[in-house]
Amino acid sequence: MPRLPRWLLSLPLCLTLAGCSTDSTPDAGTALDSGTSVDSGTAVDSGTSVDAGVDAGASDAGDSDAGTGDAGSGSSDAGPEVEPWDGGAATIPERGDLMTPPLYSDCAYTLPTGAPVADCDDLSLFDRSSCPSGAFDSMESVGIHHLLGQNPSGYVTVSYGLTLPFDGTTGTFNGQPLTRQSVGPGSFIFSSTVPARPPVSPARHYTFVGCTRPEPRRVNGCFVQCADGKVRSKGTFTALRTSWGRGESESSGGLTLLSEAPVPVGGPADVYVAKDHAYVVGFGHAGEAGGLAVFDVRNRTQPVLTKRIQLPGDGYWNGVWAKGDALYIASASSGVIVYDISNPSDPQYVRAVPGEKLAVHTVHVRGDRLYAMVSDPGGQTLLFDVASPLSPVLLNRVPPPFEYGGPHDAFAYGDILYVNSTAAGYVALDVSDPGNVRELGSYVFEGQYSHASAVGTFAGRTIAFEGGEGLNAHLRVLDVTDPANMRLIGEYQLRPEFSIHNMILRGTKLYIAHYLEGVRVLDVSVPPKPREVAHFNTFLETQPGRDSGTFEGAIGIRVPGDGYVYVVDTARGLLIFNEL
């Protein structure tokens, strides 16, 4: 298998992305209130004459995952009716995704970075003079915690996962066993060693020491990392025990769970629904290879597993789409795998295209065009003609727009392909002539990791809903009517520890798979002011298969227009809800 870039990894050892939770408000440094949108300010003329109504999902939008459907202003659970949007919106400032909150703690490791150290577990080297007594008297010894590490300059640069099993066995740190486990009444101290990864890094030993509890399920303190007998790094941390945020209930707004079915292909990642069947792909997890699980969903309250497919040496399948009798699967080894689903319950292997070893991360179909986002090698976007669905023909290979940041996902709208090009930003490509693809513009900011999007037409404006992945990433609402001058006109963010994975625009509702924040449904009839109208919290730390990884929870979502919402959760499998 080729080397997998960061966006292909969904492992407990995640050192650059965050995922943690609290019971109440976001931590210091969060610019948005939990569950609220950012007002774009006073409406201004956006430069062209616009229609006063909403036209979300114009006729060129393609299939039902692409923004088609009812153009109403939201369900009865959405609150009072809102005035139709006239297309005007002010440009709001871009604040980036980097976090620099005040230092989490006055606790400090006393040796300087680079100093020799005989014992990284020596607690006498931690200055805890400012730590109040009794802070941990009611500390529990179990649970899943997400830790954000902050360097002495204030930047939050790394995240970790701590799992303390409910059966009392040894806990883990980023999947490695703890060597010190003193978490419980009176103490929050633990240590672990991460094995060497030659030639990338030596073995690293971590010790974390809690100091304060600013909230019942949050611990702040200081830490040190040692390697080769020296202090390698140190700083402060905040540890948040996973829970539903903002005091929420399991669900709201009438979003009701109708059924739940385990998915026997490791870690499920994506789902596509066609011919009354749900096709769920997985990337493998906990020693089990990924693959494809097929469910007959004619009875949405009782999905029936009809087939499981796994290929030897090809165990990382992350994206799936269907057209006619063809099912397209994004493989990290084989490119795009094509299956014949003329018998929908029994897919038959046809071929892999373009017939070479490629790591394809996601696929997207619009009309007779298939787009495949290649993470390795080279970060290419492949264009196929699929007028004959079972026989894709390669039309072009589009390189990334910059030397860094390969494509993660893409959304085709009209003659424009909007590519989530990770660190290179959100890029618009003219694909009207597949042999001569041209870049039209991009939206780029500091700390960006563009991950997924959906595009529609509202009041004559082309609006993109763009979601990043990672610490402090969130939903951005962009006016992309002029791709050369994309403008930020709105935002939506919950807790900064959790990011979005996928989203579907259905009429004027945006359905979001929001990792540990579960499923979120937004009324976007007024795009600068997205309003949450429903949610369902899919995550519980006590559920079998849960770990401390940052890519836990609701990960894949489809709203095909059959009256239902299909979600895949990393531990629970396939969940089916009613469509609002």
Foldseek 3Di string as FASTA:
>chain_A
DDDDDPVLDFAQPFWFFFAFAAAEFFDFQFPDTFQFKDAQPDFDDPPDQFFQAFFFQPPLQFFQLFGEADQDQDDPLQPDGDGFHQPTFHFDDDPAQWGQGPFLDPKWQQDDFFAFDDDQPPPVRIDQVVFDFQQQQAWAQAFKKKKFFAAPVRTGGTIKIWGRDPVRDFIDISNFTWPDRDTHRGFDKTKGWDDADPPPGHIKIKIWGFGHPPDPFKTKGKMFIDDPRGTHGIGIMMMGGFDAYNNDDQKDQQWDFQAFDADPAAFWFAWDDDPQKIWIWAAHHDPGFIFIWIWRCPPVNDTDTLDTDDDPPWRGWHEWDDDDQWIWIQTQFQGIWIWGCPVVSDTHTDHTPPGHTFHWHYWDDGDQWIWTFTPPDQQWIWIWGCPVVRDTDTQDIHGDPDPDFHFADWRDGNQWIFTQRFQVATWIWRCPPVNDIDTQAGDHDPPFTWAEWHWTGTRNWIWIWTWTGRAQTFTWIWGCSRVRDIGTRMTTDRHRSWTWAYWGNRNQWIWTQTFQNAIWIWRCSPVRTTHTSMGGGQDDRPQPPDTNTNRFFWRYWGDRPPQWIWTQGRRRGIIIIGDD
